[in-house]
Amino acid sequence: MGYRITGLSAIIMWIILGGMNLAAQVPPAPTTAPGALMEPGGYIRSDRLGITFISSIDSDDNAARYRNALILGAGWNRWPLYWNRVERTADSWHWASYDELVAADVDKGLRINAVLLGRPPFRRDGDSIANLFEPVFADGKDHSSLDVSFNPDNPWAQFVFRVVSRYKPGGTLASKRGFPEDAGVRVWEIWNEPDLPAFWRGGPMAYARLLKVAAIVVNTVDPDATVMFGGLLFAGGDNFLSSVLQHFKNDELRVEYDWFFDAVAVHSYDDPWRGGWLTKVVQDTLAEYDLVRPVWVNETGVAVWDDYPGPVWSTAAEERLRLATVQQQANYLIMSAAFAWAKGARRVFYHQLYDDCGNQAAGSDFPPHNGELCGEGTCFGDAFGLYRNPREAICFSQHPFANTPRPVAFAYRLLAEIFGRQPFEAAGIFGLQDEVTTIAFNRADGARILVVWNNTDAARGHRIKANSSQAIAHFLNGESAIVPAIDGSYSLNLMPAGDFSYPDLEDGRSTAIGGEPVILVESPS
């Protein structure tokens, strides 16, 4: 939370608007979102893809947001459930807004990754939570029988108990609203980016206790739920996950509660390779403790500089450090997902559906400009969104093409079409440091999928040995059937990589974001 169908028979054409001279140059927009004319029965709802902040308790137009996410193929919604928003005064609970949010997700057929975080001021203890180390159960123990209530003197345990009891399948809200049998929240992520001081200053020992208490409560209330280690950014040199595991290593309850977590989330930005690398870092860290857990990349994205509200006037590399063009943003998503899945990530979530307020304060807004407003307050913002903000947004509401999709929306839809309908397995990464990178997958229907891109600054031809007599080459704005040449290989024309201001690439790579990827889907022989 970096504060991040089809059945159509015809290819959706991306119509470019031309001849417009705006005060600040912004890329032209497609006239319609991919799949916008699709009926709800055609939504993919991919199990392998999610989007952060599809909906919000603060949004007045969630219906439109849901539709815009569903036409792209999303299967998961990730949003924060703030403790301080529901317990506003001690022992006074206000659930109405989150009731509506959960009910809307269920109604739209989206699965939920809910993040538990936020401390009411009266529950704080310095950088941690008051009475966090009090026993979980009322009999003075952290483990007890099912007929013992949770300790009223441990406010975190009480909060987790109340929220899980309310939103689990068969829980209070499900019974009240008549949800289907398995509908409700089943994935509880415990805090967001606990390795980043902006979100958690209590350190690994207090977080270990936070996670342990939550896991014990969740497992008691809903044994089928998933307790997720809060999304890790790995922004510094310390391995926060390893530090927490060190605290669990000698815990007498770690075996009974399976080390107090069922999955680990990571957050990857700017460099698409990083999603796969972080997945491997987590797997290697867990292996040191003889553990295996699913890894989710439940935030990935890169902000753009050449579209409002980004710094469209920037000319020097240092002015757009770790920012991309709208085309590179689309390339990034395909590469990031491919790297993550290739290393075994279970799911990938794009951050985020709209720009919303980015990392800027609520109410940040200004018209498009060429830098002349800088020095008068906030003059640019984070443009992560699959969609540009609508006119009624509380931030960055003045885009000439408000509420239209960026090219990254087409990239997301393409991923859902190819990877969202059937299971698939990774088959290798080839040429990471070479001029061309290829990531291979095998899909359950027997198809071989190759994600291929150019890492150089010049267009180039590339040949790939064929395993079949035909394939479809998918691009962001279309597709074409190809057959092997007489030498038994497919011939691809790969677009060049563009300028990307990323000064500290790992592994000696020449570029972070390559040229537009080609996704080659080869039919089984």
Protein backbone atom coordinates (compact mmCIF):
# COMPACT_ATOMS: atom_id res chain seq x y z
CA MET A 1 0.00 0.00 0.00
CA GLY A 2 2.54 2.42 -1.18
CA TYR A 3 0.64 5.64 0.03
CA ARG A 4 -1.52 -0.19 -4.98
CA ILE A 5 -13.29 -11.57 -20.03
CA THR A 6 -13.49 -11.98 -21.98
CA GLY A 7 -15.14 -13.67 -24.83
CA LEU A 8 -14.92 -10.65 -27.12
CA SER A 9 -14.47 -11.95 -30.66
CA ALA A 10 -12.93 -8.82 -32.15
CA ILE A 11 -9.68 -7.09 -31.20
CA ILE A 12 -10.39 -3.88 -29.33
CA MET A 13 -8.89 -1.03 -31.29
CA TRP A 14 -7.01 1.68 -29.49
CA ILE A 15 -8.11 4.91 -31.17
CA ILE A 16 -5.61 7.71 -30.82
CA LEU A 17 -6.73 11.31 -30.58
CA GLY A 18 -4.45 13.73 -32.38
CA GLY A 19 -3.86 17.38 -33.09
CA MET A 20 -4.38 18.60 -29.53
CA ASN A 21 -2.11 21.26 -28.04
CA LEU A 22 -2.66 21.17 -24.28
CA ALA A 23 -1.07 23.47 -21.70
CA ALA A 24 0.77 20.43 -20.42
CA GLN A 25 1.40 17.64 -22.86
CA VAL A 26 -0.35 14.41 -21.88
CA PRO A 27 -0.56 11.21 -23.88
CA PRO A 28 -3.72 10.68 -25.92
CA ALA A 29 -6.23 8.30 -24.45
CA PRO A 30 -8.19 5.39 -25.84
CA THR A 31 -11.85 6.18 -26.33
CA THR A 32 -13.01 3.20 -24.31
CA ALA A 33 -11.65 0.80 -21.74
CA PRO A 34 -10.70 -2.71 -22.87
CA GLY A 35 -13.79 -4.84 -22.68
CA ALA A 36 -16.02 -1.91 -21.73
CA LEU A 37 -18.96 -3.27 -23.72
CA MET A 38 -18.73 -6.69 -22.08
CA GLU A 39 -21.61 -8.13 -20.13
CA PRO A 40 -20.91 -9.12 -16.50
CA GLY A 41 -21.16 -12.80 -17.36
CA GLY A 42 -17.94 -12.45 -19.31
CA TYR A 43 -15.77 -11.29 -16.40
CA ILE A 44 -12.75 -13.51 -15.80
CA ARG A 45 -12.17 -12.85 -12.07
CA SER A 46 -8.68 -14.32 -12.28
CA ASP A 47 -7.48 -16.18 -9.20
CA ARG A 48 -3.89 -15.15 -10.01
CA LEU A 49 -4.50 -11.38 -10.37
CA GLY A 50 -5.72 -8.67 -8.02
CA ILE A 51 -5.86 -4.89 -7.80
CA THR A 52 -5.40 -2.71 -4.73
CA PHE A 53 -8.07 -0.19 -3.78
CA ILE A 54 -10.69 -1.28 -6.27
CA SER A 55 -13.13 0.11 -3.74
CA SER A 56 -12.90 2.14 -0.57
CA ILE A 57 -15.03 3.21 2.37
CA ASP A 58 -14.17 6.77 1.31
CA SER A 59 -15.32 6.47 -2.31
CA ASP A 60 -18.75 7.65 -3.45
CA ASP A 61 -18.58 5.83 -6.79
CA ASN A 62 -17.59 2.26 -6.01
CA ALA A 63 -20.01 0.85 -8.61
CA ALA A 64 -18.02 2.40 -11.45
CA ARG A 65 -14.74 1.34 -9.86
CA TYR A 66 -15.92 -2.26 -9.61
CA ARG A 67 -16.92 -2.35 -13.26
CA ASN A 68 -13.62 -0.85 -14.37
CA ALA A 69 -11.72 -3.49 -12.39
CA LEU A 70 -13.88 -6.39 -13.49
CA ILE A 71 -13.61 -5.65 -17.19
CA LEU A 72 -9.85 -5.99 -16.78
CA GLY A 73 -10.17 -9.47 -15.29
CA ALA A 74 -9.35 -8.87 -11.61
CA GLY A 75 -10.26 -11.61 -9.16
CA TRP A 76 -9.05 -10.02 -5.91
CA ASN A 77 -9.51 -6.71 -4.13
CA ARG A 78 -7.02 -5.54 -1.49
CA TRP A 79 -7.89 -2.79 0.96
CA PRO A 80 -7.06 -1.74 4.53
CA LEU A 81 -9.39 -2.19 7.46
CA TYR A 82 -8.31 0.49 9.93
CA TRP A 83 -8.78 -0.32 13.60
CA ASN A 84 -9.05 3.38 14.44
CA ARG A 85 -11.92 3.74 11.95
CA VAL A 86 -14.06 1.11 13.70
CA GLU A 87 -13.15 1.63 17.37
CA ARG A 88 -13.45 5.39 17.61
CA THR A 89 -13.80 5.48 21.38
CA ALA A 90 -12.94 2.69 23.79
CA ASP A 91 -15.20 -0.34 23.28
CA SER A 92 -17.47 1.55 20.88
CA TRP A 93 -17.57 -0.17 17.48
CA HIS A 94 -18.68 1.27 14.15
CA TRP A 95 -18.86 -1.30 11.36
CA ALA A 96 -21.35 0.18 8.87
CA SER A 97 -18.86 1.41 6.24
CA TYR A 98 -16.87 -1.81 6.19
CA ASP A 99 -20.06 -3.86 6.17
CA GLU A 100 -20.98 -2.20 2.89
CA LEU A 101 -17.50 -2.66 1.46
CA VAL A 102 -17.36 -6.38 2.24
CA ALA A 103 -20.91 -6.88 0.99
CA ALA A 104 -20.10 -5.09 -2.28
CA ASP A 105 -17.01 -7.24 -2.88
CA VAL A 106 -19.05 -10.37 -2.24
CA ASP A 107 -21.81 -9.16 -4.55
CA LYS A 108 -19.29 -8.52 -7.34
CA GLY A 109 -17.66 -11.93 -6.93
CA LEU A 110 -14.30 -10.56 -5.80
CA ARG A 111 -12.17 -12.28 -3.20
CA ILE A 112 -10.77 -10.08 -0.46
CA ASN A 113 -7.27 -9.50 0.87
CA ALA A 114 -8.05 -7.38 3.95
CA VAL A 115 -5.20 -5.61 5.75
CA LEU A 116 -5.57 -5.07 9.49
CA LEU A 117 -3.73 -1.95 10.65
CA GLY A 118 -4.10 1.41 12.34
CA ARG A 119 -4.15 2.11 16.08
CA PRO A 120 -6.73 4.17 17.93
CA PRO A 121 -4.87 6.84 19.89
CA PHE A 122 -6.14 5.41 23.16
CA ARG A 123 -4.66 2.00 22.25
CA ARG A 124 -1.13 3.24 21.62
CA ASP A 125 1.91 2.47 23.71
CA GLY A 126 4.75 4.46 22.20
CA ASP A 127 5.50 2.93 18.81
CA SER A 128 3.54 -0.20 19.64
CA ILE A 129 0.10 -1.19 20.97
CA ALA A 130 -1.00 -1.06 24.58
CA ASN A 131 -1.08 -4.39 26.40
CA LEU A 132 0.03 -6.25 23.28
CA PHE A 133 1.99 -8.72 25.43
CA GLU A 134 -0.94 -9.46 27.68
CA PRO A 135 -2.19 -13.07 27.36
CA VAL A 136 -4.49 -13.81 24.43
CA PHE A 137 -7.08 -15.63 26.52
CA ALA A 138 -8.95 -14.58 29.62
CA ASP A 139 -7.50 -17.44 31.67
CA GLY A 140 -4.05 -15.86 31.45
CA LYS A 141 -2.68 -18.04 28.64
CA ASP A 142 -1.80 -17.65 24.96
CA HIS A 143 -3.30 -21.06 24.30
CA SER A 144 -6.57 -22.27 25.69
CA SER A 145 -9.63 -24.36 24.96
CA LEU A 146 -12.37 -23.11 22.67
CA ASP A 147 -14.75 -22.32 25.54
CA VAL A 148 -12.41 -19.69 27.03
CA SER A 149 -13.01 -16.10 25.91
CA PHE A 150 -10.35 -13.72 24.64
CA ASN A 151 -8.65 -11.49 27.16
CA PRO A 152 -10.49 -8.14 27.49
CA ASP A 153 -7.19 -6.58 28.60
CA ASN A 154 -5.52 -7.30 25.25
CA PRO A 155 -7.14 -4.76 22.89
CA TRP A 156 -5.43 -6.08 19.74
CA ALA A 157 -6.77 -9.58 20.43
CA GLN A 158 -10.22 -8.11 20.98
CA PHE A 159 -10.12 -6.17 17.72
CA VAL A 160 -8.99 -9.18 15.68
CA PHE A 161 -11.65 -11.35 17.32
CA ARG A 162 -14.41 -8.88 16.52
CA VAL A 163 -13.40 -8.21 12.93
CA VAL A 164 -12.86 -11.86 11.98
CA SER A 165 -16.08 -12.96 13.70
CA ARG A 166 -17.95 -10.31 11.76
CA TYR A 167 -16.53 -10.83 8.25
CA LYS A 168 -15.63 -14.52 8.01
CA PRO A 169 -17.82 -16.82 5.89
CA GLY A 170 -20.81 -17.67 8.06
CA GLY A 171 -19.98 -14.75 10.36
CA THR A 172 -22.14 -11.93 11.64
CA LEU A 173 -22.38 -10.02 8.36
CA ALA A 174 -22.76 -13.15 6.21
CA SER A 175 -25.67 -14.31 8.36
CA LYS A 176 -27.27 -10.87 8.35
CA ARG A 177 -26.97 -10.38 4.56
CA GLY A 178 -27.53 -13.96 3.46
CA PHE A 179 -24.15 -14.45 1.78
CA PRO A 180 -23.40 -17.70 -0.06
CA GLU A 181 -21.86 -20.37 2.15
CA ASP A 182 -18.19 -19.61 1.46
CA ALA A 183 -18.49 -15.84 0.98
CA GLY A 184 -16.62 -13.46 3.25
CA VAL A 185 -13.06 -12.50 4.15
CA ARG A 186 -10.66 -15.43 4.26
CA VAL A 187 -7.30 -13.65 3.88
CA TRP A 188 -6.18 -11.46 6.80
CA GLU A 189 -2.96 -9.56 6.23
CA ILE A 190 -1.45 -8.39 9.50
CA TRP A 191 -0.32 -4.78 9.03
CA ASN A 192 1.18 -3.17 5.96
CA GLU A 193 4.91 -2.84 5.29
CA PRO A 194 5.98 -3.48 8.89
CA ASP A 195 9.59 -3.13 7.74
CA LEU A 196 8.95 0.52 6.81
CA PRO A 197 8.98 3.06 9.69
CA ALA A 198 6.20 5.07 8.02
CA PHE A 199 3.87 2.18 8.91
CA TRP A 200 5.48 0.41 11.88
CA ARG A 201 8.08 1.69 14.32
CA GLY A 202 7.67 -0.98 16.94
CA GLY A 203 10.44 -3.19 15.56
CA PRO A 204 10.48 -6.92 14.76
CA MET A 205 9.89 -8.16 18.32
CA ALA A 206 6.65 -6.22 18.75
CA TYR A 207 5.55 -7.16 15.24
CA ALA A 208 6.24 -10.82 16.02
CA ARG A 209 3.88 -10.47 18.97
CA LEU A 210 1.32 -8.61 16.84
CA LEU A 211 1.37 -11.42 14.27
CA LYS A 212 1.31 -14.17 16.89
CA VAL A 213 -1.71 -12.76 18.70
CA ALA A 214 -3.55 -12.26 15.43
CA ALA A 215 -2.75 -15.79 14.24
CA ILE A 216 -3.97 -17.38 17.46
CA VAL A 217 -7.22 -15.40 17.36
CA VAL A 218 -7.85 -15.96 13.65
CA ASN A 219 -7.14 -19.69 13.88
CA THR A 220 -9.48 -19.98 16.84
CA VAL A 221 -12.31 -18.05 15.19
CA ASP A 222 -11.89 -19.30 11.60
CA PRO A 223 -9.47 -22.23 11.20
CA ASP A 224 -9.84 -22.10 7.40
CA ALA A 225 -8.62 -18.51 7.13
CA THR A 226 -5.21 -17.46 5.82
CA VAL A 227 -3.04 -15.30 8.09
CA MET A 228 -0.62 -13.32 5.97
CA PHE A 229 2.66 -11.77 7.09
CA GLY A 230 2.23 -8.05 6.31
CA GLY A 231 3.52 -6.98 2.90
CA LEU A 232 7.28 -6.39 3.08
CA LEU A 233 9.03 -3.71 1.07
CA PHE A 234 12.66 -4.78 1.78
CA ALA A 235 13.66 -1.16 1.25
CA GLY A 236 16.68 -1.30 3.58
CA GLY A 237 19.49 -3.70 4.27
CA ASP A 238 17.78 -5.64 7.06
CA ASN A 239 15.73 -8.79 6.53
CA PHE A 240 12.71 -8.04 8.70
CA LEU A 241 11.18 -11.45 7.97
CA SER A 242 14.24 -13.23 9.29
CA SER A 243 14.27 -11.06 12.42
CA VAL A 244 10.66 -11.99 13.18
CA LEU A 245 11.33 -15.68 12.55
CA GLN A 246 14.18 -15.49 15.04
CA HIS A 247 11.67 -14.44 17.68
CA PHE A 248 9.40 -17.36 16.74
CA LYS A 249 12.21 -19.90 16.63
CA ASN A 250 12.05 -20.76 20.32
CA ASP A 251 8.35 -20.06 20.87
CA GLU A 252 6.71 -23.08 22.45
CA LEU A 253 3.50 -22.52 20.46
CA ARG A 254 5.13 -22.21 17.04
CA VAL A 255 4.45 -25.83 16.05
CA GLU A 256 0.81 -25.85 17.13
CA TYR A 257 0.10 -22.59 15.28
CA ASP A 258 2.39 -23.36 12.34
CA TRP A 259 4.76 -20.46 13.03
CA PHE A 260 1.82 -18.02 13.23
CA PHE A 261 1.40 -17.29 9.52
CA ASP A 262 0.20 -19.07 6.38
CA ALA A 263 1.55 -16.81 3.61
CA VAL A 264 3.97 -13.92 3.10
CA ALA A 265 3.33 -10.77 1.07
CA VAL A 266 5.94 -8.61 -0.64
CA HIS A 267 5.72 -5.23 -2.36
CA SER A 268 7.72 -4.54 -5.52
CA TYR A 269 8.03 -1.22 -7.33
CA ASP A 270 9.89 0.45 -10.21
CA ASP A 271 12.03 -2.46 -11.40
CA PRO A 272 9.99 -5.43 -12.71
CA TRP A 273 12.77 -7.91 -11.91
CA ARG A 274 12.38 -7.09 -8.23
CA GLY A 275 9.05 -8.96 -7.87
CA GLY A 276 10.72 -12.25 -8.73
CA TRP A 277 13.80 -11.45 -6.68
CA LEU A 278 11.77 -10.62 -3.56
CA THR A 279 9.77 -13.81 -3.98
CA LYS A 280 13.04 -15.75 -4.00
CA VAL A 281 14.39 -13.80 -1.00
CA VAL A 282 11.33 -14.80 1.01
CA GLN A 283 11.56 -18.42 -0.10
CA ASP A 284 15.25 -18.58 0.80
CA THR A 285 14.64 -16.92 4.18
CA LEU A 286 11.87 -19.38 5.00
CA ALA A 287 14.05 -22.30 3.92
CA GLU A 288 16.61 -21.35 6.58
CA TYR A 289 13.91 -22.28 9.12
CA ASP A 290 12.70 -25.32 7.15
CA LEU A 291 9.52 -23.48 6.20
CA VAL A 292 7.59 -23.27 2.94
CA ARG A 293 4.83 -20.71 2.45
CA PRO A 294 2.99 -19.20 -0.52
CA VAL A 295 4.35 -15.76 -1.50
CA TRP A 296 2.05 -13.06 -2.80
CA VAL A 297 3.24 -9.94 -4.60
CA ASN A 298 0.22 -7.97 -3.46
CA GLU A 299 1.56 -4.58 -4.54
CA THR A 300 3.50 -3.92 -7.71
CA GLY A 301 3.60 -0.84 -9.90
CA VAL A 302 5.54 2.09 -11.28
CA ALA A 303 4.36 5.71 -11.47
CA VAL A 304 4.56 7.66 -14.73
CA TRP A 305 6.15 11.03 -15.36
CA ASP A 306 4.73 11.83 -18.81
CA ASP A 307 1.06 11.97 -17.84
CA TYR A 308 -0.82 14.20 -15.39
CA PRO A 309 -0.44 14.32 -12.40
CA GLY A 310 3.18 13.30 -12.98
CA PRO A 311 5.99 15.82 -13.69
CA VAL A 312 5.31 16.00 -17.43
CA TRP A 313 7.77 18.90 -17.86
CA SER A 314 10.80 16.96 -16.63
CA THR A 315 13.71 16.74 -19.05
CA ALA A 316 16.61 15.54 -16.89
CA ALA A 317 16.92 11.94 -15.71
CA GLU A 318 17.25 13.03 -12.07
CA GLU A 319 13.85 14.76 -12.31
CA ARG A 320 12.09 11.50 -13.13
CA LEU A 321 14.08 9.06 -11.02
CA ARG A 322 12.36 5.66 -10.93
CA LEU A 323 9.45 7.00 -12.98
CA ALA A 324 8.31 5.60 -16.32
CA THR A 325 6.39 6.62 -19.42
CA VAL A 326 2.85 5.35 -19.85
CA GLN A 327 4.14 2.81 -22.38
CA GLN A 328 6.85 1.62 -19.98
CA GLN A 329 4.27 1.34 -17.21
CA ALA A 330 2.34 -1.14 -19.35
CA ASN A 331 5.53 -3.04 -20.18
CA TYR A 332 6.44 -3.06 -16.50
CA LEU A 333 3.26 -4.82 -15.42
CA ILE A 334 3.67 -7.69 -17.85
CA MET A 335 7.34 -8.11 -16.94
CA SER A 336 6.75 -7.80 -13.20
CA ALA A 337 4.01 -10.43 -13.21
CA ALA A 338 6.10 -12.74 -15.39
CA PHE A 339 9.15 -12.45 -13.12
CA ALA A 340 7.04 -12.98 -9.99
CA TRP A 341 5.17 -16.00 -11.33
CA ALA A 342 8.38 -17.46 -12.72
CA LYS A 343 9.85 -17.47 -9.21
CA GLY A 344 6.74 -19.04 -7.71
CA ALA A 345 4.63 -16.09 -6.53
CA ARG A 346 1.08 -17.27 -6.00
CA ARG A 347 -0.69 -14.02 -6.91
CA VAL A 348 0.15 -10.59 -8.27
CA PHE A 349 -1.79 -7.41 -7.42
CA TYR A 350 -1.33 -4.19 -9.36
CA HIS A 351 -1.16 -0.98 -7.33
CA GLN A 352 -3.59 0.64 -8.01
CA LEU A 353 -6.93 0.98 -9.86
CA TYR A 354 -6.94 4.81 -9.98
CA ASP A 355 -4.30 7.40 -9.14
CA ASP A 356 -6.48 8.49 -6.21
CA CYS A 357 -4.19 10.66 -4.03
CA GLY A 358 -1.03 8.60 -4.49
CA ASN A 359 1.35 9.32 -1.63
CA GLN A 360 0.16 12.90 -1.44
CA ALA A 361 -2.23 14.47 1.06
CA ALA A 362 -5.98 14.24 0.53
CA GLY A 363 -7.19 17.24 -1.44
CA SER A 364 -4.00 17.62 -3.51
CA ASP A 365 -5.08 19.03 -6.86
CA PHE A 366 -3.98 21.40 -9.62
CA PRO A 367 -4.56 21.88 -13.37
CA PRO A 368 -2.18 20.43 -15.96
CA HIS A 369 0.93 22.62 -16.23
CA ASN A 370 4.50 22.63 -17.45
CA GLY A 371 6.18 23.20 -14.12
CA GLU A 372 5.15 26.80 -13.59
CA LEU A 373 3.08 25.89 -10.50
CA CYS A 374 6.01 24.35 -8.66
CA GLY A 375 7.02 26.38 -5.64
CA GLU A 376 3.37 27.00 -4.78
CA GLY A 377 2.76 23.69 -3.01
CA THR A 378 2.24 20.23 -4.44
CA CYS A 379 2.84 20.45 -8.18
CA PHE A 380 2.93 16.77 -9.18
CA GLY A 381 1.72 13.48 -7.80
CA ASP A 382 1.96 9.72 -8.15
CA ALA A 383 0.34 8.43 -11.34
CA PHE A 384 0.20 4.70 -10.65
CA GLY A 385 -3.37 4.18 -11.77
CA LEU A 386 -4.69 1.75 -14.33
CA TYR A 387 -7.21 4.55 -14.79
CA ARG A 388 -6.82 8.33 -14.58
CA ASN A 389 -8.86 9.96 -11.83
CA PRO A 390 -12.42 11.05 -12.61
CA ARG A 391 -13.54 14.68 -12.41
CA GLU A 392 -15.14 14.20 -8.99
CA ALA A 393 -11.97 12.76 -7.40
CA ILE A 394 -10.70 14.47 -4.26
CA CYS A 395 -7.18 14.60 -5.75
CA PHE A 396 -5.74 15.18 -9.20
CA SER A 397 -9.14 15.65 -10.82
CA GLN A 398 -8.23 17.81 -13.81
CA HIS A 399 -6.86 15.42 -16.42
CA PRO A 400 -8.06 16.36 -19.94
CA PHE A 401 -9.03 12.70 -20.41
CA ALA A 402 -10.45 12.09 -16.93
CA ASN A 403 -11.58 8.58 -16.05
CA THR A 404 -9.89 6.90 -19.02
CA PRO A 405 -7.57 3.89 -18.94
CA ARG A 406 -3.84 4.12 -19.43
CA PRO A 407 -2.04 1.54 -21.59
CA VAL A 408 -1.29 -0.40 -18.39
CA ALA A 409 -5.00 -1.29 -18.25
CA PHE A 410 -4.60 -3.07 -21.60
CA ALA A 411 -1.56 -4.89 -20.20
CA TYR A 412 -3.56 -6.07 -17.19
CA ARG A 413 -6.40 -7.28 -19.41
CA LEU A 414 -3.93 -9.16 -21.61
CA LEU A 415 -2.45 -10.93 -18.57
CA ALA A 416 -5.92 -11.91 -17.39
CA GLU A 417 -6.84 -13.27 -20.82
CA ILE A 418 -3.73 -15.43 -21.11
CA PHE A 419 -2.97 -16.36 -17.49
CA GLY A 420 -6.31 -15.87 -15.75
CA ARG A 421 -8.48 -18.64 -17.11
CA GLN A 422 -6.45 -21.79 -16.42
CA PRO A 423 -3.68 -22.95 -14.09
CA PHE A 424 -0.10 -22.61 -15.29
CA GLU A 425 3.41 -23.42 -14.13
CA ALA A 426 6.72 -21.64 -14.58
CA ALA A 427 9.20 -23.19 -16.99
CA GLY A 428 12.22 -20.90 -16.66
CA ILE A 429 13.79 -17.47 -17.14
CA PHE A 430 16.25 -17.11 -20.03
CA GLY A 431 18.55 -14.25 -21.00
CA LEU A 432 18.06 -12.01 -17.95
CA GLN A 433 21.31 -10.12 -18.68
CA ASP A 434 21.16 -10.60 -22.45
CA GLU A 435 19.76 -8.44 -25.20
CA VAL A 436 16.48 -10.40 -25.11
CA THR A 437 14.76 -11.86 -22.04
CA THR A 438 12.34 -14.79 -22.29
CA ILE A 439 10.18 -16.16 -19.47
CA ALA A 440 8.42 -19.46 -20.16
CA PHE A 441 5.27 -21.02 -18.72
CA ASN A 442 3.28 -24.19 -19.35
CA ARG A 443 -0.51 -23.82 -19.14
CA ALA A 444 -2.91 -26.57 -18.09
CA ASP A 445 -4.41 -26.81 -21.60
CA GLY A 446 -1.00 -27.79 -22.97
CA ALA A 447 -0.12 -24.36 -24.34
CA ARG A 448 3.42 -23.04 -24.02
CA ILE A 449 3.54 -19.34 -23.11
CA LEU A 450 6.65 -17.25 -23.77
CA VAL A 451 6.92 -13.65 -22.55
CA VAL A 452 9.66 -12.05 -24.64
CA TRP A 453 11.14 -8.55 -24.67
CA ASN A 454 14.08 -6.53 -25.91
CA ASN A 455 16.52 -4.98 -23.40
CA THR A 456 18.40 -2.82 -25.89
CA ASP A 457 17.72 0.68 -27.20
CA ALA A 458 17.24 -0.47 -30.81
CA ALA A 459 14.52 -2.56 -32.41
CA ARG A 460 15.67 -6.07 -33.16
CA GLY A 461 14.55 -9.28 -34.75
CA HIS A 462 14.53 -12.42 -32.63
CA ARG A 463 13.99 -16.08 -33.42
CA ILE A 464 12.57 -18.69 -31.05
CA LYS A 465 12.59 -22.43 -31.68
CA ALA A 466 9.05 -23.65 -32.25
CA ASN A 467 7.54 -26.60 -30.40
CA SER A 468 4.39 -26.63 -32.49
CA SER A 469 3.08 -25.74 -35.93
CA GLN A 470 1.34 -22.53 -34.87
CA ALA A 471 1.23 -19.78 -32.26
CA ILE A 472 -0.46 -16.47 -31.51
CA ALA A 473 1.71 -13.44 -30.81
CA HIS A 474 -0.12 -11.09 -28.41
CA PHE A 475 0.67 -7.37 -28.19
CA LEU A 476 -0.88 -4.61 -26.12
CA ASN A 477 -3.14 -3.53 -28.95
CA GLY A 478 -3.68 -6.67 -30.96
CA GLU A 479 -2.50 -10.11 -31.91
CA SER A 480 -1.33 -12.05 -34.96
CA ALA A 481 -1.07 -15.70 -35.90
CA ILE A 482 2.43 -16.89 -36.75
CA VAL A 483 3.88 -20.15 -38.03
CA PRO A 484 7.44 -21.41 -37.91
CA ALA A 485 9.84 -20.61 -40.73
CA ILE A 486 11.51 -23.37 -42.69
CA ASP A 487 14.21 -23.59 -40.01
CA GLY A 488 11.56 -24.43 -37.37
CA SER A 489 11.62 -21.12 -35.52
CA TYR A 490 9.25 -18.22 -34.99
CA SER A 491 10.43 -14.78 -36.05
CA LEU A 492 9.59 -11.84 -33.76
CA ASN A 493 10.16 -8.13 -34.18
CA LEU A 494 10.86 -6.65 -30.75
CA MET A 495 10.43 -2.99 -29.85
CA PRO A 496 13.37 -1.14 -28.23
CA ALA A 497 13.60 -0.33 -24.55
CA GLY A 498 13.11 3.34 -23.74
CA ASP A 499 14.92 5.64 -21.35
CA PHE A 500 14.35 4.70 -17.73
CA SER A 501 15.92 6.58 -14.86
CA TYR A 502 17.02 3.79 -12.56
CA PRO A 503 20.62 4.26 -11.39
CA ASP A 504 21.33 1.11 -9.40
CA LEU A 505 20.35 -1.94 -11.42
CA GLU A 506 21.19 -5.30 -9.94
CA ASP A 507 23.03 -8.08 -11.77
CA GLY A 508 24.60 -5.80 -14.37
CA ARG A 509 21.45 -5.48 -16.47
CA SER A 510 21.37 -2.78 -19.13
CA THR A 511 17.82 -1.61 -18.47
CA ALA A 512 15.09 -2.02 -15.90
CA ILE A 513 12.04 -1.88 -18.18
CA GLY A 514 12.50 -3.37 -21.62
CA GLY A 515 10.58 -2.71 -24.81
CA GLU A 516 6.98 -3.77 -25.29
CA PRO A 517 6.77 -7.50 -24.48
CA VAL A 518 5.39 -10.03 -26.92
CA ILE A 519 3.43 -12.86 -25.33
CA LEU A 520 3.69 -15.88 -27.56
CA VAL A 521 1.05 -18.56 -26.92
CA GLU A 522 1.95 -21.76 -28.69
CA SER A 523 -0.82 -24.32 -29.16
CA PRO A 524 -0.08 -27.91 -28.17
CA SER A 525 1.07 -30.11 -31.03
